[in-house]
Amino acid sequence: MSRVDRASYRNRGGLIQKLISAYKARRFFTKAGENLVVKPSAEFRMVKNAILEVGDNVTIQDYAFFQLTMPDPKVFIGNNTVIGRRNIITAKNKIIIGNDVLIGSDVQIIDHSHGMRRDTPIRLQKAEIGSVEIGDDVWIGAGAKIIMNVKIGKGAVIGANSVVTTDIPEYAIAVGSPAKVAKFRE
């Protein structure tokens, strides 16, 4: 393949990506900022009243899966944020992801859980619904799980494969299952 052919091929690929992003922005997002990149394999399952808003320069990588389901799902993603490959974001209520957030591959962010009372089979129990808030300048390592009713403070780092079940303070580096603060960013 000649140099001219390669450049032409890259330009077509860039155009196709822009068209896919524009289509998905119109189809699934209630508000989308400038320079949104949504990879072709990203998937969205949403109820009619769902709100999905993203800021400028957001990238949603391959095989990311967004499920916004009853009763009143809202997902807000700030500017300059990257949603990694194979992420799963599931909202029944509200998930807020700040500006300048980097989310590694295979991360799950979920704002709800199943009921677990003993008197009723689990499959018959209603979901317990909460929220998740991730501050600005946060890095979430590959494979981490962010569970309902947690706030991750500005500048925090969540280690790979950690399970966040409680709030993480600003600039903390948290690791483990459940995630515990190991130290703070300097």
Protein backbone atom coordinates (compact mmCIF):
# COMPACT_ATOMS: atom_id res chain seq x y z
CA MET A 1 0.00 0.00 0.00
CA SER A 2 1.48 3.33 -1.02
CA ARG A 3 1.85 6.30 1.29
CA VAL A 4 -1.06 8.09 -0.47
CA ASP A 5 -3.27 4.99 -0.14
CA ARG A 6 -2.50 4.70 3.58
CA ALA A 7 -3.33 8.37 4.18
CA SER A 8 -6.58 8.01 2.25
CA TYR A 9 -7.47 4.89 4.24
CA ARG A 10 -6.80 6.68 7.58
CA ASN A 11 -8.91 9.65 6.46
CA ARG A 12 -11.83 7.35 5.60
CA GLY A 13 -11.46 5.61 8.97
CA GLY A 14 -11.54 8.98 10.74
CA LEU A 15 -14.61 10.03 8.80
CA ILE A 16 -16.40 6.78 9.59
CA GLN A 17 -15.61 7.21 13.31
CA LYS A 18 -16.97 10.77 13.22
CA LEU A 19 -20.17 9.57 11.54
CA ILE A 20 -20.65 6.77 14.08
CA SER A 21 -20.06 9.19 16.98
CA ALA A 22 -22.50 11.72 15.53
CA TYR A 23 -25.16 9.05 15.02
CA LYS A 24 -24.79 7.69 18.56
CA ALA A 25 -24.77 11.22 20.02
CA ARG A 26 -28.12 11.96 18.35
CA ARG A 27 -29.61 8.56 19.12
CA PHE A 28 -28.64 8.06 22.76
CA PHE A 29 -27.41 11.28 24.38
CA THR A 30 -29.66 14.02 25.74
CA LYS A 31 -26.68 16.38 25.61
CA ALA A 32 -23.27 15.86 24.01
CA GLY A 33 -20.35 18.30 23.98
CA GLU A 34 -17.78 18.92 21.27
CA ASN A 35 -15.41 16.18 20.06
CA LEU A 36 -17.36 13.23 21.45
CA VAL A 37 -15.86 9.91 20.33
CA VAL A 38 -18.06 6.83 20.71
CA LYS A 39 -16.49 3.66 19.35
CA PRO A 40 -18.68 1.53 17.04
CA SER A 41 -19.06 -1.37 19.47
CA ALA A 42 -20.20 0.78 22.43
CA GLU A 43 -23.73 -0.26 23.40
CA PHE A 44 -26.58 1.70 24.99
CA ARG A 45 -29.79 0.27 26.49
CA MET A 46 -32.01 2.99 27.82
CA VAL A 47 -35.58 3.66 28.87
CA LYS A 48 -37.36 6.59 27.26
CA ASN A 49 -36.99 8.96 30.22
CA ALA A 50 -33.23 8.32 30.60
CA ILE A 51 -30.81 11.25 30.70
CA LEU A 52 -27.28 10.75 29.39
CA GLU A 53 -25.17 13.92 29.20
CA VAL A 54 -21.48 14.26 28.36
CA GLY A 55 -19.18 17.26 28.17
CA ASP A 56 -16.49 18.14 25.65
CA ASN A 57 -13.70 15.77 24.56
CA VAL A 58 -15.26 12.62 25.98
CA THR A 59 -14.19 9.23 24.63
CA ILE A 60 -16.22 6.06 25.08
CA GLN A 61 -14.07 3.10 24.13
CA ASP A 62 -14.93 -0.21 22.45
CA TYR A 63 -17.51 -2.52 24.03
CA ALA A 64 -18.49 -0.05 26.76
CA PHE A 65 -22.03 -0.86 27.90
CA PHE A 66 -24.46 1.71 29.30
CA GLN A 67 -27.70 0.47 30.84
CA LEU A 68 -30.04 3.21 32.02
CA THR A 69 -33.16 1.58 33.39
CA MET A 70 -36.23 2.34 35.51
CA PRO A 71 -37.21 4.27 37.47
CA ASP A 72 -35.36 7.56 36.72
CA PRO A 73 -31.84 7.04 35.34
CA LYS A 74 -29.40 9.89 34.86
CA VAL A 75 -25.72 9.71 33.91
CA PHE A 76 -23.60 12.86 33.71
CA ILE A 77 -20.02 12.71 32.40
CA GLY A 78 -17.74 15.77 32.52
CA ASN A 79 -15.20 17.17 30.07
CA ASN A 80 -12.01 15.36 28.98
CA THR A 81 -13.11 12.02 30.40
CA VAL A 82 -12.32 8.57 29.01
CA ILE A 83 -14.63 5.59 29.58
CA GLY A 84 -12.45 2.51 29.05
CA ARG A 85 -12.96 -0.63 27.01
CA ARG A 86 -15.63 -3.04 28.25
CA ASN A 87 -16.83 -0.70 31.00
CA ILE A 88 -20.30 -1.34 32.37
CA ILE A 89 -22.23 1.66 33.64
CA THR A 90 -25.66 0.78 35.04
CA ALA A 91 -27.97 3.46 36.44
CA LYS A 92 -31.45 3.36 37.92
CA ASN A 93 -31.04 6.75 39.60
CA LYS A 94 -27.88 8.88 39.22
CA ILE A 95 -24.22 8.48 38.32
CA ILE A 96 -22.00 11.55 38.08
CA ILE A 97 -18.50 11.29 36.61
CA GLY A 98 -16.41 14.47 36.78
CA ASN A 99 -13.97 16.22 34.47
CA ASP A 100 -10.58 14.79 33.50
CA VAL A 101 -11.45 11.28 34.72
CA LEU A 102 -9.62 8.27 33.32
CA ILE A 103 -11.42 4.96 33.68
CA GLY A 104 -9.44 1.84 32.77
CA SER A 105 -10.82 -1.20 31.01
CA ASP A 106 -13.37 -3.60 32.51
CA VAL A 107 -14.61 -1.20 35.21
CA GLN A 108 -18.17 -1.46 36.55
CA ILE A 109 -20.06 1.49 38.01
CA ILE A 110 -23.46 0.61 39.46
CA ASP A 111 -25.88 2.81 41.46
CA HIS A 112 -28.16 0.00 42.70
CA SER A 113 -28.24 -3.48 44.19
CA HIS A 114 -30.71 -6.29 44.86
CA GLY A 115 -32.65 -6.52 48.09
CA MET A 116 -31.40 -9.28 50.39
CA ARG A 117 -34.06 -9.76 53.05
CA ARG A 118 -34.48 -13.35 54.26
CA ASP A 119 -38.29 -13.38 54.14
CA THR A 120 -38.57 -13.07 50.33
CA PRO A 121 -36.67 -14.81 47.52
CA ILE A 122 -34.01 -12.48 46.13
CA ARG A 123 -35.43 -12.63 42.61
CA LEU A 124 -38.74 -11.20 43.91
CA GLN A 125 -37.23 -8.30 45.84
CA LYS A 126 -37.11 -4.76 44.53
CA ALA A 127 -33.79 -3.11 43.81
CA GLU A 128 -32.15 -0.91 46.41
CA ILE A 129 -31.38 2.32 44.58
CA GLY A 130 -28.64 4.83 45.38
CA SER A 131 -26.17 7.00 43.52
CA VAL A 132 -22.48 7.23 42.61
CA GLU A 133 -20.39 10.39 42.39
CA ILE A 134 -16.87 10.45 40.99
CA GLY A 135 -14.98 13.74 41.37
CA ASP A 136 -12.68 15.53 38.92
CA ASP A 137 -9.17 14.27 38.10
CA VAL A 138 -9.85 10.68 39.24
CA TRP A 139 -8.11 7.62 37.85
CA ILE A 140 -9.92 4.29 38.17
CA GLY A 141 -7.72 1.28 37.43
CA ALA A 142 -8.70 -1.66 35.25
CA GLY A 143 -11.24 -4.09 36.66
CA ALA A 144 -12.37 -1.88 39.55
CA LYS A 145 -15.97 -2.01 40.79
CA ILE A 146 -17.72 1.11 42.08
CA ILE A 147 -20.76 0.13 44.14
CA MET A 148 -23.85 2.24 44.97
CA ASN A 149 -23.86 5.10 47.49
CA VAL A 150 -20.19 6.03 47.23
CA LYS A 151 -18.42 9.28 46.50
CA ILE A 152 -14.90 9.27 45.16
CA GLY A 153 -13.19 12.57 45.95
CA LYS A 154 -11.32 14.85 43.59
CA GLY A 155 -7.91 13.58 42.53
CA ALA A 156 -8.35 10.08 43.96
CA VAL A 157 -6.79 6.97 42.44
CA ILE A 158 -8.57 3.61 42.62
CA GLY A 159 -6.25 0.63 42.16
CA ALA A 160 -6.85 -2.08 39.61
CA ASN A 161 -9.43 -4.71 40.63
CA SER A 162 -10.43 -2.75 43.73
CA VAL A 163 -14.03 -2.82 44.97
CA VAL A 164 -15.17 0.58 46.24
CA THR A 165 -17.91 0.16 48.87
CA THR A 166 -17.37 3.35 50.93
CA ASP A 167 -16.48 6.97 50.22
CA ILE A 168 -12.89 7.70 49.17
CA PRO A 169 -11.44 11.09 50.21
CA GLU A 170 -9.82 13.61 47.88
CA TYR A 171 -6.35 12.67 46.56
CA ALA A 172 -6.45 9.26 48.25
CA ILE A 173 -4.97 6.17 46.63
CA ALA A 174 -7.30 3.29 47.49
CA VAL A 175 -6.70 -0.38 46.79
CA GLY A 176 -8.17 -3.76 47.62
CA SER A 177 -11.49 -5.47 48.11
CA PRO A 178 -13.02 -3.66 49.82
CA ALA A 179 -10.94 -0.64 48.80
CA LYS A 180 -9.00 1.00 51.64
CA VAL A 181 -6.87 4.14 51.54
CA ALA A 182 -3.20 3.09 51.23
CA LYS A 183 -1.77 6.62 50.99
CA PHE A 184 -2.40 10.04 49.47
CA ARG A 185 -1.12 11.64 46.25
CA GLU A 186 1.78 13.99 46.86
